[in-house]
Protein backbone atom coordinates (compact mmCIF):
# COMPACT_ATOMS: atom_id res chain seq x y z
CA MET A 1 -28.33 -81.73 31.38
CA SER A 2 -28.87 -85.26 32.89
CA PRO A 3 -26.12 -87.94 32.85
CA ASP A 4 -28.62 -90.24 31.05
CA LEU A 5 -29.05 -87.82 28.18
CA VAL A 6 -25.32 -87.13 27.85
CA SER A 7 -24.61 -90.84 27.56
CA ARG A 8 -27.22 -91.26 24.83
CA LEU A 9 -25.83 -88.38 22.85
CA ARG A 10 -22.42 -90.13 22.79
CA THR A 11 -23.92 -93.04 20.88
CA PRO A 12 -23.79 -92.93 16.98
CA LYS A 13 -27.61 -92.51 16.86
CA GLY A 14 -27.42 -89.65 19.37
CA ARG A 15 -24.68 -87.76 17.45
CA LEU A 16 -26.73 -88.09 14.29
CA PHE A 17 -29.78 -86.78 15.99
CA ALA A 18 -27.81 -83.77 17.43
CA GLY A 19 -26.37 -82.93 13.96
CA LEU A 20 -29.84 -83.03 12.43
CA LEU A 21 -31.26 -80.80 15.22
CA ALA A 22 -28.36 -78.16 14.64
CA LEU A 23 -29.08 -78.06 10.86
CA LEU A 24 -32.78 -77.44 11.53
CA VAL A 25 -32.03 -74.58 13.93
CA ALA A 26 -29.55 -73.03 11.51
CA ALA A 27 -32.13 -73.24 8.70
CA ALA A 28 -34.80 -71.70 10.76
CA LEU A 29 -32.53 -68.74 11.63
CA VAL A 30 -31.60 -68.09 7.98
CA ALA A 31 -35.22 -68.19 6.93
CA TYR A 32 -36.22 -65.82 9.70
CA PHE A 33 -33.59 -63.08 8.92
CA LYS A 34 -34.22 -63.44 5.19
CA PHE A 35 -37.95 -63.02 5.60
CA HIS A 36 -37.68 -60.05 8.01
CA GLY A 37 -35.04 -58.39 5.83
CA ALA A 38 -37.20 -58.58 2.70
CA SER A 39 -40.11 -57.27 4.68
CA ARG A 40 -38.17 -54.12 5.88
CA THR A 41 -36.89 -53.60 2.34
CA SER A 42 -40.38 -53.73 0.87
CA GLN A 43 -41.72 -51.36 3.63
CA GLY A 44 -38.89 -48.83 3.46
CA GLY A 45 -38.40 -48.70 -0.34
CA GLY A 46 -34.88 -50.14 -0.15
CA HIS A 47 -31.48 -48.71 1.03
CA ARG A 48 -30.06 -45.81 -0.99
CA SER A 49 -26.65 -44.14 -0.40
CA PRO A 50 -27.02 -40.40 0.44
CA LEU A 51 -26.10 -37.90 -2.31
CA ALA A 52 -23.16 -35.60 -1.74
CA PRO A 53 -24.19 -31.99 -1.01
CA VAL A 54 -22.24 -29.37 -2.94
CA SER A 55 -22.29 -25.64 -3.73
CA VAL A 56 -22.08 -24.33 -7.26
CA ALA A 57 -21.40 -21.04 -9.13
CA VAL A 58 -22.30 -20.12 -12.65
CA ALA A 59 -19.58 -19.23 -15.02
CA ARG A 60 -20.27 -15.94 -16.81
CA THR A 61 -18.69 -13.49 -19.21
CA GLU A 62 -17.82 -10.01 -18.06
CA ASP A 63 -15.08 -7.26 -18.31
CA PHE A 64 -12.49 -8.62 -15.88
CA GLN A 65 -10.06 -6.21 -14.28
CA VAL A 66 -6.48 -7.56 -14.00
CA TRP A 67 -4.96 -6.54 -10.70
CA MET A 68 -1.42 -6.95 -9.29
CA THR A 69 -0.92 -6.71 -5.48
CA GLY A 70 2.23 -5.73 -3.50
CA LEU A 71 2.73 -5.03 0.18
CA GLY A 72 3.58 -1.32 0.34
CA THR A 73 4.58 1.38 2.86
CA VAL A 74 2.77 4.71 3.14
CA THR A 75 5.45 7.37 2.36
CA PRO A 76 4.81 11.15 2.55
CA LEU A 77 5.99 13.31 -0.30
CA TYR A 78 7.64 15.64 2.32
CA THR A 79 8.84 14.81 5.78
CA VAL A 80 10.71 17.82 7.23
CA THR A 81 12.52 18.15 10.56
CA VAL A 82 12.14 21.83 11.37
CA HIS A 83 15.45 23.42 12.47
CA SER A 84 16.26 26.94 13.39
CA MET A 85 18.43 28.78 10.85
CA VAL A 86 19.92 30.94 13.71
CA ASP A 87 21.29 30.48 17.10
CA GLY A 88 19.37 31.95 20.03
CA GLN A 89 16.79 31.51 22.76
CA LEU A 90 13.52 29.97 21.87
CA MET A 91 10.97 32.55 23.08
CA GLN A 92 7.62 31.36 21.88
CA VAL A 93 5.98 28.21 20.27
CA HIS A 94 2.96 29.03 18.17
CA PHE A 95 1.77 25.46 17.37
CA LYS A 96 0.10 22.52 19.11
CA GLU A 97 1.32 18.92 18.80
CA GLY A 98 -0.56 17.13 16.00
CA GLN A 99 -1.77 20.42 14.54
CA THR A 100 -2.28 20.70 10.74
CA VAL A 101 -0.57 23.79 9.36
CA LYS A 102 -0.11 25.36 6.00
CA ALA A 103 3.08 26.44 4.33
CA GLY A 104 4.22 29.76 5.80
CA ASP A 105 2.38 29.48 9.10
CA LEU A 106 4.42 30.77 12.03
CA LEU A 107 5.66 27.92 14.22
CA ALA A 108 8.06 29.56 16.61
CA GLU A 109 10.09 32.68 17.47
CA ILE A 110 13.73 33.07 18.40
CA ASP A 111 14.81 36.15 20.49
CA PRO A 112 15.15 38.79 17.77
CA ARG A 113 17.01 41.47 19.73
CA PRO A 114 20.52 40.46 18.92
CA PHE A 115 19.71 40.44 15.31
CA GLN A 116 18.07 43.88 15.55
CA VAL A 117 21.26 45.24 17.15
CA GLN A 118 23.26 43.82 14.22
CA LEU A 119 20.97 45.46 11.77
CA ASP A 120 21.17 48.80 13.51
CA GLN A 121 25.02 48.59 13.44
CA ALA A 122 24.95 47.67 9.73
CA LEU A 123 22.68 50.58 8.86
CA ALA A 124 24.89 52.92 10.79
CA GLN A 125 28.02 51.74 8.91
CA LEU A 126 26.17 52.12 5.65
CA ALA A 127 25.18 55.75 6.47
CA HIS A 128 28.81 56.53 7.46
CA ASP A 129 30.28 55.14 4.28
CA ARG A 130 27.68 56.87 2.14
CA ALA A 131 28.73 60.23 3.68
CA LEU A 132 32.39 59.51 2.86
CA LEU A 133 31.52 58.56 -0.69
CA GLN A 134 29.45 61.76 -1.17
CA ASN A 135 32.48 63.80 0.08
CA ALA A 136 34.87 61.92 -2.15
CA LYS A 137 32.75 62.53 -5.16
CA LEU A 138 32.67 66.32 -4.36
CA ASP A 139 36.43 66.31 -4.10
CA LEU A 140 36.70 64.41 -7.34
CA SER A 141 34.58 66.93 -9.23
CA ARG A 142 36.92 69.77 -7.86
CA TYR A 143 40.16 67.84 -8.91
CA LYS A 144 38.69 67.38 -12.41
CA ALA A 145 38.15 71.17 -12.74
CA LEU A 146 41.65 72.01 -11.45
CA ALA A 147 43.29 69.36 -13.59
CA ALA A 148 41.62 70.74 -16.69
CA THR A 149 43.34 74.08 -16.08
CA GLY A 150 46.60 72.46 -15.04
CA ALA A 151 46.29 73.64 -11.42
CA ALA A 152 46.27 70.15 -10.05
CA PRO A 153 48.48 67.24 -10.95
CA LYS A 154 46.98 64.28 -12.87
CA GLN A 155 48.28 61.86 -10.13
CA GLN A 156 46.12 63.56 -7.49
CA LEU A 157 42.99 63.22 -9.80
CA ASP A 158 43.70 59.51 -10.26
CA THR A 159 44.06 58.96 -6.55
CA GLN A 160 40.75 60.66 -5.93
CA VAL A 161 39.02 58.48 -8.65
CA ALA A 162 40.35 55.35 -6.79
CA LEU A 163 39.16 56.70 -3.45
CA VAL A 164 35.58 57.16 -4.84
CA ALA A 165 35.63 53.53 -6.19
CA GLN A 166 36.87 52.36 -2.74
CA TYR A 167 33.97 54.06 -1.01
CA GLU A 168 31.47 52.65 -3.58
CA ALA A 169 32.78 49.11 -2.80
CA SER A 170 32.40 49.81 0.96
CA ILE A 171 28.68 50.73 0.33
CA LEU A 172 28.16 47.41 -1.35
CA THR A 173 29.64 45.67 1.65
CA ASP A 174 27.65 47.60 4.09
CA GLN A 175 24.48 46.92 2.13
CA ALA A 176 25.22 43.20 2.21
CA GLN A 177 25.67 43.48 6.03
CA VAL A 178 22.29 45.13 6.26
CA ASP A 179 20.64 42.57 4.06
CA ASN A 180 22.23 39.78 6.21
CA ALA A 181 20.97 41.32 9.44
CA LYS A 182 17.50 41.58 7.95
CA LEU A 183 17.65 37.91 6.95
CA GLN A 184 18.62 36.91 10.50
CA LEU A 185 15.51 38.76 11.75
CA VAL A 186 13.42 36.77 9.27
CA TYR A 187 14.98 33.46 10.37
CA SER A 188 14.13 34.35 14.00
CA ARG A 189 10.47 33.66 13.01
CA ILE A 190 10.40 29.94 12.18
CA THR A 191 7.64 29.14 9.62
CA ALA A 192 6.29 25.89 8.15
CA PRO A 193 8.20 25.01 4.97
CA VAL A 194 5.33 22.89 3.64
CA SER A 195 1.79 22.10 4.49
CA GLY A 196 1.18 19.10 6.68
CA ARG A 197 0.77 17.62 10.20
CA LEU A 198 3.08 18.39 13.03
CA GLY A 199 4.45 15.77 15.37
CA LEU A 200 5.56 16.04 19.03
CA ARG A 201 7.41 19.12 20.11
CA LEU A 202 11.07 18.38 20.60
CA VAL A 203 12.22 21.60 22.32
CA ASP A 204 10.57 23.68 25.06
CA PRO A 205 10.43 27.53 25.08
CA GLY A 206 13.33 29.06 27.03
CA ASN A 207 16.01 26.67 25.65
CA ILE A 208 18.93 27.94 23.67
CA ILE A 209 18.74 26.30 20.25
CA ARG A 210 21.45 26.16 17.56
CA THR A 211 21.60 25.48 13.85
CA THR A 212 23.72 22.43 14.55
CA ASP A 213 21.14 20.77 16.87
CA ALA A 214 20.43 17.21 15.63
CA THR A 215 16.86 16.97 16.89
CA GLY A 216 15.26 20.21 15.49
CA LEU A 217 12.04 21.67 16.95
CA VAL A 218 9.34 19.39 15.39
CA VAL A 219 8.78 16.98 12.51
CA LEU A 220 6.39 18.11 9.89
CA THR A 221 4.84 15.52 7.50
CA GLN A 222 2.61 16.19 4.46
CA LEU A 223 -0.41 13.97 4.51
CA SER A 224 -2.34 15.24 1.57
CA PRO A 225 -1.40 14.17 -1.02
CA ILE A 226 0.50 11.11 0.13
CA THR A 227 2.13 8.21 -1.66
CA VAL A 228 2.53 4.45 -1.28
CA ILE A 229 5.73 2.70 -2.37
CA PHE A 230 5.28 -1.04 -3.18
CA PRO A 231 7.20 -3.76 -4.94
CA LEU A 232 6.01 -6.02 -7.89
CA PRO A 233 7.87 -8.79 -9.68
CA GLN A 234 10.14 -7.72 -12.49
CA ASP A 235 8.19 -10.01 -14.85
CA ALA A 236 5.24 -7.61 -14.55
CA LEU A 237 7.33 -4.62 -15.85
CA PRO A 238 6.45 -5.01 -19.55
CA ALA A 239 2.70 -5.08 -18.95
CA ILE A 240 2.95 -2.13 -16.51
CA LEU A 241 5.03 0.02 -18.86
CA LYS A 242 2.79 -0.83 -21.78
CA SER A 243 -0.34 0.26 -19.81
CA MET A 244 1.39 3.43 -18.58
CA LYS A 245 1.83 4.50 -22.20
CA ALA A 246 -1.81 4.03 -22.77
CA GLY A 247 -2.99 6.15 -19.84
CA THR A 248 -3.05 6.62 -16.07
CA LEU A 249 -3.15 3.37 -14.06
CA ARG A 250 -5.52 2.99 -11.17
CA VAL A 251 -4.23 2.02 -7.69
CA GLN A 252 -6.16 1.03 -4.60
CA ALA A 253 -4.82 0.76 -1.08
CA TRP A 254 -6.28 -1.86 1.20
CA ASP A 255 -5.61 -2.71 4.78
CA ARG A 256 -3.13 -5.40 5.87
CA ALA A 257 -5.90 -8.03 6.10
CA ASN A 258 -6.90 -7.18 2.53
CA THR A 259 -10.60 -6.70 3.50
CA THR A 260 -11.05 -2.94 3.63
CA ARG A 261 -10.31 -0.44 0.85
CA LEU A 262 -8.72 2.62 2.36
CA ALA A 263 -8.08 4.89 -0.63
CA GLU A 264 -7.89 5.10 -4.45
CA GLY A 265 -5.30 6.89 -6.39
CA GLU A 266 -3.01 6.60 -9.50
CA LEU A 267 0.45 5.33 -10.33
CA LEU A 268 3.08 8.01 -10.32
CA THR A 269 6.25 6.32 -11.50
CA VAL A 270 8.31 3.07 -11.67
CA ASP A 271 11.74 2.90 -10.19
CA ASN A 272 14.73 3.00 -12.65
CA GLN A 273 16.22 -0.36 -11.54
CA VAL A 274 15.32 -3.86 -10.30
CA ASP A 275 16.43 -5.00 -6.92
CA VAL A 276 18.93 -7.76 -7.78
CA THR A 277 18.51 -9.51 -4.35
CA THR A 278 14.67 -9.92 -4.67
CA GLY A 279 13.87 -9.51 -8.42
CA MET A 280 11.35 -6.85 -7.56
CA VAL A 281 10.90 -3.37 -8.83
CA LYS A 282 9.46 -0.50 -6.68
CA LEU A 283 6.52 1.63 -7.84
CA ARG A 284 5.04 4.80 -6.30
CA ALA A 285 1.41 5.62 -6.23
CA GLN A 286 -0.18 8.85 -5.15
CA PHE A 287 -3.45 9.29 -3.16
CA GLN A 288 -5.22 12.59 -2.28
CA ASN A 289 -5.90 11.17 1.29
CA SER A 290 -8.31 14.02 2.12
CA ASP A 291 -9.79 11.86 5.00
CA ASN A 292 -6.36 10.96 6.35
CA SER A 293 -7.13 7.21 5.97
CA LEU A 294 -3.50 6.62 5.03
CA PHE A 295 -0.81 7.34 7.70
CA PRO A 296 2.95 7.62 7.24
CA ASN A 297 4.93 4.32 7.48
CA GLN A 298 1.58 2.32 7.52
CA PHE A 299 1.70 -1.07 5.77
CA VAL A 300 -1.02 -1.54 3.12
CA ASN A 301 -1.78 -3.86 0.23
CA ALA A 302 -1.44 -1.85 -2.95
CA ARG A 303 -3.46 -3.18 -5.81
CA LEU A 304 -2.50 -1.98 -9.38
CA GLN A 305 -4.99 -2.31 -12.20
CA VAL A 306 -2.85 -3.36 -15.18
CA ASP A 307 -5.42 -4.29 -17.74
CA THR A 308 -9.12 -5.09 -18.37
CA LEU A 309 -10.04 -8.30 -20.26
CA LYS A 310 -13.15 -7.75 -22.31
CA ASN A 311 -15.87 -10.37 -22.19
CA ALA A 312 -13.70 -12.82 -20.13
CA LEU A 313 -15.16 -16.00 -18.76
CA VAL A 314 -14.97 -15.78 -14.92
CA ILE A 315 -15.59 -18.25 -12.07
CA PRO A 316 -14.73 -17.98 -8.33
CA VAL A 317 -11.24 -19.13 -7.38
CA ALA A 318 -12.85 -21.81 -5.06
CA GLY A 319 -14.12 -23.62 -8.22
CA VAL A 320 -10.55 -24.29 -9.43
CA GLN A 321 -8.97 -27.61 -8.20
CA GLN A 322 -5.48 -28.65 -8.57
CA GLY A 323 -4.47 -32.15 -9.71
CA ALA A 324 -1.42 -34.00 -11.06
CA ASP A 325 -2.40 -32.95 -14.64
CA GLY A 326 -2.96 -29.29 -13.70
CA PRO A 327 -6.03 -27.22 -12.77
CA TYR A 328 -9.44 -28.62 -13.23
CA ALA A 329 -13.09 -28.06 -12.26
CA TYR A 330 -16.11 -30.13 -11.53
CA VAL A 331 -18.98 -29.17 -13.82
CA LEU A 332 -22.57 -30.06 -12.90
CA ASN A 333 -25.03 -30.99 -15.70
CA ALA A 334 -28.82 -31.03 -15.63
CA GLN A 335 -28.99 -34.62 -14.21
CA HIS A 336 -26.93 -33.51 -11.17
CA VAL A 337 -23.99 -35.55 -12.34
CA VAL A 338 -20.48 -33.97 -12.24
CA SER A 339 -17.73 -34.24 -14.79
CA VAL A 340 -14.10 -33.17 -14.72
CA HIS A 341 -13.08 -30.36 -17.03
CA LYS A 342 -9.38 -29.49 -17.41
CA LEU A 343 -8.73 -25.63 -17.35
CA LYS A 344 -6.38 -23.13 -18.75
CA LEU A 345 -6.31 -20.26 -16.28
CA GLY A 346 -5.92 -16.65 -16.92
CA PRO A 347 -5.37 -13.76 -14.44
CA SER A 348 -6.81 -13.82 -10.84
CA ASP A 349 -7.70 -11.09 -8.41
CA GLY A 350 -7.78 -13.38 -5.43
CA VAL A 351 -11.58 -13.83 -5.55
CA ASN A 352 -12.25 -14.65 -9.13
CA VAL A 353 -10.16 -16.08 -11.90
CA ALA A 354 -10.46 -15.69 -15.70
CA ILE A 355 -10.75 -19.02 -17.62
CA GLN A 356 -9.07 -19.20 -21.03
CA GLU A 357 -10.03 -22.80 -21.90
CA GLY A 358 -12.04 -25.66 -20.43
CA LEU A 359 -15.48 -23.94 -19.69
CA SER A 360 -18.35 -22.31 -21.32
CA ALA A 361 -20.66 -19.55 -20.22
CA SER A 362 -23.48 -20.70 -17.93
CA ASP A 363 -21.59 -23.84 -16.85
CA GLN A 364 -22.25 -24.71 -13.23
CA VAL A 365 -18.94 -25.21 -11.39
CA VAL A 366 -18.74 -26.87 -8.01
CA THR A 367 -17.20 -24.53 -5.50
CA ASP A 368 -17.71 -26.44 -2.19
CA GLY A 369 -17.98 -30.12 -1.27
CA VAL A 370 -15.42 -31.41 -3.71
CA ASP A 371 -13.50 -33.51 -1.24
CA HIS A 372 -15.29 -36.78 -2.06
CA LEU A 373 -16.24 -36.19 -5.65
CA ARG A 374 -15.20 -38.17 -8.69
CA GLU A 375 -16.05 -38.31 -12.36
CA GLY A 376 -19.72 -39.26 -12.86
CA ALA A 377 -20.77 -38.74 -9.22
CA THR A 378 -24.34 -37.76 -8.53
CA VAL A 379 -24.67 -34.76 -6.20
CA GLU A 380 -27.24 -32.62 -4.49
CA VAL A 381 -26.94 -28.83 -4.82
CA SER A 382 -27.13 -27.10 -1.45
CA SER A 383 -26.55 -23.52 -2.66
CA ARG A 384 -25.94 -21.62 -5.81
CA GLY A 385 -23.87 -18.59 -6.54
CA LYS A 386 -22.55 -16.37 -9.36
CA ALA A 387 -19.08 -15.42 -10.22
CA SER A 388 -18.53 -11.76 -9.53
CA SER A 389 -15.75 -9.34 -10.50
CA GLY A 390 -14.83 -8.49 -6.80
CA SER A 391 -13.54 -5.14 -7.93
C-alpha cells in the first residue's frame, strides 16, 4: 500500500470510506453463503438425522421350563481301592490299565500254595478227630449196656458221655479250620467287587502284598450309572421338595462353559441339612452315562427342571434393561417409535425370561442397540428374532 493512500485513509473521509467498504464486503459474503446454502438444501432434500438401528424380538406365549443351575462335581456311586484279603506274593495280574470289568471278574492271583497246605492240615486234623469221635461213641454204647446190668459204674458212663461231647466239639473246630483254609484260597484270587473302569496298576507281579498295605492293587470306579452332586440355594428347597412329591425331576449336565449338554438324568435325593457357611443344600442326580461323557471328579453345570409355566409370556434376556425404577423394556410400535414399558420379571433360564407384567403377546421388544434410545425415539429395525425356550 502506497504512503499516499495510507495518509488519505487516516482522514475522516477516508475512515468513513473504509467502513462502508467493509460493510459492503460483509453483506456480500452473507448473501453468498445464504444463497448457496439454500441451493444445496433444495437440491439434497434437506438434512435429516440418521435413524438408530436396532434388533427386535417378538414376545410370545409358550410353556416355559423353570430351571435352576448349580456347579456340580461328577461323583461315582462306587469308588473301590482293591486290596488283598490275604498276605502273599502277587503271582499274576489279569487286567489292563483302563480296562472296563464286570463284578466278579478275576483281577489278580496271590500264591495259593501256603493256603493249600493249611487246608490239607485242617482236613487231616478233621479226619483224625472224626476217628476219635467214632471210637468214643462205640465205647459209649458198650458202657451203656454194661451200666444197664450193673457191670460198669455210672461214673465211667458219665465220663464217656463227656468224652464224646468233647470230640464232637473238636470236630466243629476242625470244620471251621477247613472252611477258613478254603476261604483263604478263595481270597488268593482277587476279583472285581463292582462293575466299572480300572485305573493305573499300583503293584507289580512278584511283590509281597499284605492286607495292611495302604495303596492297594488298583482303584476301580463305577462309571455307569454315575451321579453328580451340586448345590442350590436353600430358598429353592420348598419348590424342589414340592416338585419331587409330584414326580421325578429332570436334570441336565452341561460342560463348564455351559454351551454343550453332556447328559440327561434324574434327581435322586436332597441332602438332609443346609450348609450353614454357604446357605446351600446339596443334591444328587443320577445319569446312565452309557457313552462315558461324564468322568469322575469332572466339574459340570447341573440344571434342575423345577417347574413348567403353562402359556407364559417369554422374551430374550437381552430385551430386559435395568434402571433406577427396576427392569424395563423398549417396545417398538408400527410407526417404528419406541416406548418404555416397566416389567415384572418371572423365572429365567439364562437365555429367555418369563414376563409376569408389562408386555403383551406379539409386542416387539428391542434386544440390541438400546444404548442411545429414549422414550419416543424413532428407530430403524436391522434384524428381527423370536423368543425361544432354549431348553
